[in-house]
Amino acid sequence: RVLFRSSAGKVILSFRSGQGVLSYDMKAVRSEEVCVDRDALGEGIGTLSVPIFAGNDEVVGSLCVVLPSFRLKQESNSSELIPRLQVAGQSLSAKLGFINEEMGQIRQREARSCS
C-alpha cells in the first residue's frame, strides 16, 4: 500500500480499526503516537508524523514534517522536534473536538523508527 511509504500513512494505518493484526512497529506507533521514518520516501529524506484525532476519537489524518534524514540522526533535533510536533498535533485535534485528559502533558518517549 502507498500509505506504508511514509510516516504520515503509517500513523493513520496504525489507528485504523479493521486493518488486521498490527505489526510490532504499528503497535509502537500507536502507543507512542509518533512515527519517525528515515529514508522511506527516498535516500536522505526523513519524516516525523503524529496522529490527528477528531471528536469521535477517530484518527482523521496526520501531521508530518519532512526534513533531511541526517537531521533525524542528531539526537538534539529529534528530542526537540518530536514534542513540538506532538503539541501541534494535539492542538489540531482539540480544534476538531478531540478531548484528551492527558492534553498538555506531552508524553516524551523515545520514538522508535517505524521504517
N, C-alpha and C. Protein backbone atom coordinates (compact mmCIF):
# COMPACT_ATOMS: atom_id res chain seq x y z
N ARG A 1 0.82 -1.20 0.00
CA ARG A 1 0.00 0.00 0.00
C ARG A 1 0.86 1.25 0.00
N VAL A 2 0.36 2.28 -0.61
CA VAL A 2 1.06 3.55 -0.68
C VAL A 2 1.18 4.18 0.71
N LEU A 3 0.20 3.97 1.57
CA LEU A 3 0.24 4.57 2.91
C LEU A 3 1.45 4.10 3.72
N PHE A 4 1.95 2.92 3.44
CA PHE A 4 3.10 2.40 4.17
C PHE A 4 4.41 3.06 3.75
N ARG A 5 4.38 3.91 2.76
CA ARG A 5 5.62 4.51 2.26
C ARG A 5 6.09 5.71 3.08
N SER A 6 5.25 6.24 3.93
CA SER A 6 5.65 7.41 4.72
C SER A 6 5.18 7.28 6.16
N SER A 7 5.80 8.05 7.02
CA SER A 7 5.38 8.03 8.43
C SER A 7 3.96 8.55 8.56
N ALA A 8 3.55 9.48 7.72
CA ALA A 8 2.19 10.02 7.78
C ALA A 8 1.16 8.91 7.55
N GLY A 9 1.39 8.09 6.55
CA GLY A 9 0.49 6.98 6.27
C GLY A 9 0.54 5.90 7.33
N LYS A 10 1.74 5.64 7.85
CA LYS A 10 1.88 4.61 8.89
C LYS A 10 1.14 5.00 10.16
N VAL A 11 1.14 6.29 10.49
CA VAL A 11 0.39 6.75 11.66
C VAL A 11 -1.09 6.50 11.45
N ILE A 12 -1.61 6.85 10.30
CA ILE A 12 -3.03 6.66 10.01
C ILE A 12 -3.38 5.18 10.07
N LEU A 13 -2.60 4.34 9.40
CA LEU A 13 -2.88 2.90 9.39
C LEU A 13 -2.80 2.28 10.79
N SER A 14 -1.93 2.79 11.63
CA SER A 14 -1.77 2.24 12.97
C SER A 14 -3.03 2.40 13.82
N PHE A 15 -3.82 3.43 13.52
CA PHE A 15 -5.00 3.71 14.33
C PHE A 15 -6.31 3.27 13.67
N ARG A 16 -6.24 2.80 12.46
CA ARG A 16 -7.45 2.36 11.78
C ARG A 16 -7.89 1.00 12.31
N SER A 17 -9.16 0.88 12.63
CA SER A 17 -9.67 -0.43 13.07
C SER A 17 -9.93 -1.28 11.83
N GLY A 18 -9.92 -2.57 12.00
CA GLY A 18 -10.20 -3.47 10.89
C GLY A 18 -9.03 -3.67 9.95
N GLN A 19 -7.84 -3.28 10.35
CA GLN A 19 -6.67 -3.44 9.49
C GLN A 19 -5.98 -4.78 9.70
N GLY A 20 -6.61 -5.66 10.46
CA GLY A 20 -5.99 -6.95 10.73
C GLY A 20 -4.99 -6.84 11.86
N VAL A 21 -4.11 -7.77 11.94
CA VAL A 21 -3.11 -7.78 13.00
C VAL A 21 -2.07 -6.70 12.73
N LEU A 22 -1.85 -5.87 13.73
CA LEU A 22 -0.84 -4.82 13.59
C LEU A 22 0.54 -5.40 13.81
N SER A 23 1.49 -4.93 13.05
CA SER A 23 2.87 -5.36 13.24
C SER A 23 3.41 -4.73 14.52
N TYR A 24 4.55 -5.20 14.94
CA TYR A 24 5.20 -4.64 16.12
C TYR A 24 5.42 -3.15 15.96
N ASP A 25 5.88 -2.74 14.77
CA ASP A 25 6.13 -1.32 14.51
C ASP A 25 4.85 -0.51 14.62
N MET A 26 3.76 -1.03 14.08
CA MET A 26 2.49 -0.31 14.13
C MET A 26 1.97 -0.20 15.56
N LYS A 27 2.19 -1.24 16.35
CA LYS A 27 1.79 -1.18 17.77
C LYS A 27 2.60 -0.11 18.49
N ALA A 28 3.87 0.00 18.18
CA ALA A 28 4.72 1.01 18.80
C ALA A 28 4.27 2.41 18.39
N VAL A 29 3.95 2.59 17.12
CA VAL A 29 3.46 3.88 16.64
C VAL A 29 2.17 4.24 17.36
N ARG A 30 1.31 3.27 17.51
CA ARG A 30 0.03 3.52 18.17
C ARG A 30 0.22 3.91 19.64
N SER A 31 1.11 3.23 20.34
CA SER A 31 1.30 3.53 21.76
C SER A 31 2.09 4.83 21.97
N GLU A 32 3.03 5.12 21.09
CA GLU A 32 3.87 6.31 21.25
C GLU A 32 3.28 7.55 20.58
N GLU A 33 2.32 7.32 19.68
CA GLU A 33 1.67 8.40 18.93
C GLU A 33 2.67 9.27 18.17
N VAL A 34 3.69 8.62 17.65
CA VAL A 34 4.66 9.30 16.79
C VAL A 34 5.34 8.26 15.92
N CYS A 35 5.68 8.66 14.71
CA CYS A 35 6.40 7.78 13.80
C CYS A 35 7.58 8.54 13.22
N VAL A 36 8.76 7.97 13.34
CA VAL A 36 9.98 8.54 12.78
C VAL A 36 10.42 7.60 11.66
N ASP A 37 10.54 8.15 10.47
CA ASP A 37 10.89 7.32 9.32
C ASP A 37 12.09 7.94 8.61
N ARG A 38 13.12 7.15 8.45
CA ARG A 38 14.32 7.61 7.77
C ARG A 38 14.44 6.95 6.40
N ASP A 39 14.56 7.74 5.40
CA ASP A 39 14.81 7.29 4.04
C ASP A 39 13.67 6.51 3.38
N ALA A 40 12.48 6.51 3.94
CA ALA A 40 11.37 5.77 3.34
C ALA A 40 10.87 6.43 2.05
N LEU A 41 10.92 7.74 2.00
CA LEU A 41 10.47 8.44 0.79
C LEU A 41 11.56 8.53 -0.27
N GLY A 42 12.77 8.23 0.14
CA GLY A 42 13.91 8.30 -0.75
C GLY A 42 15.16 8.51 0.06
N GLU A 43 16.28 8.25 -0.54
CA GLU A 43 17.54 8.39 0.18
C GLU A 43 17.73 9.83 0.65
N GLY A 44 17.99 9.96 1.94
CA GLY A 44 18.24 11.27 2.52
C GLY A 44 17.01 12.04 2.95
N ILE A 45 15.83 11.43 2.81
CA ILE A 45 14.58 12.12 3.18
C ILE A 45 14.00 11.45 4.42
N GLY A 46 13.82 12.21 5.49
CA GLY A 46 13.25 11.70 6.72
C GLY A 46 11.91 12.36 7.00
N THR A 47 11.05 11.65 7.75
CA THR A 47 9.75 12.21 8.13
C THR A 47 9.44 11.91 9.58
N LEU A 48 8.73 12.83 10.21
CA LEU A 48 8.18 12.67 11.56
C LEU A 48 6.68 12.91 11.43
N SER A 49 5.87 12.06 12.03
CA SER A 49 4.42 12.23 11.94
C SER A 49 3.74 11.91 13.26
N VAL A 50 2.64 12.63 13.52
CA VAL A 50 1.79 12.37 14.68
C VAL A 50 0.35 12.30 14.20
N PRO A 51 -0.51 11.59 14.94
CA PRO A 51 -1.90 11.47 14.52
C PRO A 51 -2.71 12.74 14.81
N ILE A 52 -3.75 12.94 14.02
CA ILE A 52 -4.74 13.98 14.26
C ILE A 52 -6.06 13.27 14.51
N PHE A 53 -6.66 13.53 15.68
CA PHE A 53 -7.91 12.89 16.07
C PHE A 53 -9.08 13.85 15.91
N ALA A 54 -10.26 13.31 15.65
CA ALA A 54 -11.50 14.09 15.61
C ALA A 54 -12.26 13.87 16.92
N GLY A 55 -13.39 14.54 17.06
CA GLY A 55 -14.19 14.45 18.27
C GLY A 55 -14.68 13.06 18.61
N ASN A 56 -14.75 12.18 17.62
CA ASN A 56 -15.21 10.81 17.86
C ASN A 56 -14.07 9.86 18.18
N ASP A 57 -12.91 10.40 18.55
CA ASP A 57 -11.70 9.63 18.89
C ASP A 57 -11.12 8.85 17.71
N GLU A 58 -11.53 9.19 16.51
CA GLU A 58 -11.02 8.52 15.31
C GLU A 58 -9.90 9.35 14.70
N VAL A 59 -8.87 8.67 14.21
CA VAL A 59 -7.79 9.37 13.52
C VAL A 59 -8.31 9.78 12.14
N VAL A 60 -8.20 11.07 11.87
CA VAL A 60 -8.70 11.60 10.60
C VAL A 60 -7.56 12.07 9.70
N GLY A 61 -6.35 12.00 10.21
CA GLY A 61 -5.20 12.42 9.42
C GLY A 61 -3.94 12.38 10.25
N SER A 62 -2.91 12.96 9.71
CA SER A 62 -1.65 13.04 10.46
C SER A 62 -0.94 14.34 10.09
N LEU A 63 -0.12 14.79 11.01
CA LEU A 63 0.70 15.97 10.80
C LEU A 63 2.12 15.48 10.57
N CYS A 64 2.72 15.91 9.50
CA CYS A 64 4.02 15.37 9.09
C CYS A 64 5.01 16.48 8.81
N VAL A 65 6.24 16.25 9.23
CA VAL A 65 7.35 17.13 8.91
C VAL A 65 8.33 16.33 8.07
N VAL A 66 8.71 16.88 6.94
CA VAL A 66 9.68 16.23 6.05
C VAL A 66 10.98 17.04 6.13
N LEU A 67 12.09 16.34 6.35
CA LEU A 67 13.37 17.01 6.51
C LEU A 67 14.49 16.08 6.09
N PRO A 68 15.68 16.61 5.91
CA PRO A 68 16.80 15.73 5.56
C PRO A 68 17.00 14.69 6.68
N SER A 69 17.19 13.45 6.31
CA SER A 69 17.27 12.39 7.31
C SER A 69 18.46 12.55 8.25
N PHE A 70 19.52 13.23 7.82
CA PHE A 70 20.65 13.40 8.74
C PHE A 70 20.24 14.24 9.95
N ARG A 71 19.22 15.08 9.80
CA ARG A 71 18.74 15.86 10.95
C ARG A 71 18.04 14.98 11.98
N LEU A 72 17.43 13.91 11.53
CA LEU A 72 16.78 12.98 12.46
C LEU A 72 17.81 12.18 13.26
N LYS A 73 18.97 12.01 12.69
CA LYS A 73 20.00 11.24 13.37
C LYS A 73 20.66 12.03 14.48
N GLN A 74 20.51 13.34 14.46
CA GLN A 74 21.05 14.18 15.52
C GLN A 74 20.05 14.17 16.68
N GLU A 75 20.44 13.56 17.79
CA GLU A 75 19.54 13.37 18.93
C GLU A 75 18.89 14.66 19.40
N SER A 76 19.66 15.75 19.41
CA SER A 76 19.10 17.01 19.90
C SER A 76 17.95 17.48 19.01
N ASN A 77 18.05 17.27 17.71
CA ASN A 77 16.97 17.66 16.81
C ASN A 77 15.72 16.83 17.05
N SER A 78 15.85 15.52 17.14
CA SER A 78 14.70 14.65 17.37
C SER A 78 14.04 14.95 18.70
N SER A 79 14.84 15.14 19.74
CA SER A 79 14.26 15.37 21.07
C SER A 79 13.56 16.72 21.15
N GLU A 80 13.90 17.65 20.28
CA GLU A 80 13.21 18.94 20.23
C GLU A 80 12.02 18.91 19.28
N LEU A 81 12.17 18.26 18.16
CA LEU A 81 11.12 18.26 17.15
C LEU A 81 9.90 17.44 17.55
N ILE A 82 10.12 16.27 18.13
CA ILE A 82 9.00 15.38 18.44
C ILE A 82 8.02 16.02 19.41
N PRO A 83 8.44 16.56 20.56
CA PRO A 83 7.46 17.18 21.46
C PRO A 83 6.73 18.36 20.81
N ARG A 84 7.43 19.13 20.00
CA ARG A 84 6.78 20.27 19.33
C ARG A 84 5.74 19.79 18.32
N LEU A 85 6.06 18.75 17.60
CA LEU A 85 5.10 18.19 16.64
C LEU A 85 3.90 17.60 17.37
N GLN A 86 4.14 16.95 18.52
CA GLN A 86 3.04 16.39 19.30
C GLN A 86 2.11 17.50 19.81
N VAL A 87 2.67 18.60 20.27
CA VAL A 87 1.85 19.73 20.73
C VAL A 87 1.00 20.26 19.58
N ALA A 88 1.60 20.41 18.41
CA ALA A 88 0.86 20.90 17.24
C ALA A 88 -0.26 19.93 16.86
N GLY A 89 0.04 18.63 16.89
CA GLY A 89 -0.98 17.62 16.58
C GLY A 89 -2.11 17.63 17.59
N GLN A 90 -1.78 17.78 18.86
CA GLN A 90 -2.81 17.83 19.90
C GLN A 90 -3.66 19.09 19.76
N SER A 91 -3.04 20.19 19.37
CA SER A 91 -3.78 21.43 19.17
C SER A 91 -4.77 21.29 18.01
N LEU A 92 -4.32 20.72 16.91
CA LEU A 92 -5.23 20.48 15.78
C LEU A 92 -6.36 19.53 16.17
N SER A 93 -6.03 18.48 16.91
CA SER A 93 -7.05 17.53 17.35
C SER A 93 -8.09 18.22 18.23
N ALA A 94 -7.64 19.08 19.14
CA ALA A 94 -8.56 19.80 20.02
C ALA A 94 -9.50 20.69 19.20
N LYS A 95 -8.99 21.32 18.15
CA LYS A 95 -9.82 22.16 17.30
C LYS A 95 -10.88 21.34 16.56
N LEU A 96 -10.60 20.05 16.38
CA LEU A 96 -11.56 19.16 15.72
C LEU A 96 -12.50 18.49 16.73
N GLY A 97 -12.39 18.88 18.00
CA GLY A 97 -13.31 18.38 19.02
C GLY A 97 -12.80 17.22 19.84
N PHE A 98 -11.55 16.83 19.63
CA PHE A 98 -10.99 15.72 20.40
C PHE A 98 -10.66 16.19 21.81
N ILE A 99 -11.15 15.46 22.80
CA ILE A 99 -10.88 15.77 24.19
C ILE A 99 -10.00 14.68 24.75
N ASN A 100 -8.84 15.08 25.23
CA ASN A 100 -7.88 14.13 25.79
C ASN A 100 -7.49 14.60 27.18
N GLU A 101 -7.72 13.76 28.17
CA GLU A 101 -7.40 14.15 29.54
C GLU A 101 -5.92 14.39 29.74
N GLU A 102 -5.08 13.80 28.89
CA GLU A 102 -3.65 13.99 29.01
C GLU A 102 -3.17 15.20 28.23
N MET A 103 -4.10 15.95 27.61
CA MET A 103 -3.72 17.10 26.81
C MET A 103 -2.90 18.05 27.66
N GLY A 104 -1.85 18.55 27.10
CA GLY A 104 -0.98 19.45 27.83
C GLY A 104 0.16 18.72 28.52
N GLN A 105 0.05 17.42 28.65
CA GLN A 105 1.11 16.62 29.24
C GLN A 105 1.73 15.79 28.13
N ILE A 106 2.64 16.38 27.43
CA ILE A 106 3.27 15.68 26.31
C ILE A 106 4.07 14.51 26.86
N ARG A 107 3.75 13.36 26.36
CA ARG A 107 4.46 12.16 26.78
C ARG A 107 5.74 12.07 25.98
N GLN A 108 6.81 12.43 26.62
CA GLN A 108 8.10 12.39 25.94
C GLN A 108 8.67 10.99 26.03
N ARG A 109 8.56 10.28 24.95
CA ARG A 109 9.07 8.92 24.87
C ARG A 109 10.15 8.88 23.82
N GLU A 110 10.95 7.88 23.94
CA GLU A 110 11.93 7.68 22.90
C GLU A 110 11.21 7.08 21.70
N ALA A 111 11.17 7.81 20.64
CA ALA A 111 10.48 7.35 19.45
C ALA A 111 11.31 6.32 18.72
N ARG A 112 10.69 5.22 18.38
CA ARG A 112 11.35 4.18 17.59
C ARG A 112 11.10 4.47 16.12
N SER A 113 12.01 4.06 15.33
CA SER A 113 11.84 4.20 13.90
C SER A 113 10.72 3.27 13.45
N CYS A 114 9.89 3.75 12.54
CA CYS A 114 8.81 2.91 12.05
C CYS A 114 9.06 2.49 10.60
N SER A 115 10.30 2.53 10.19
CA SER A 115 10.60 2.14 8.80
C SER A 115 10.84 0.65 8.71
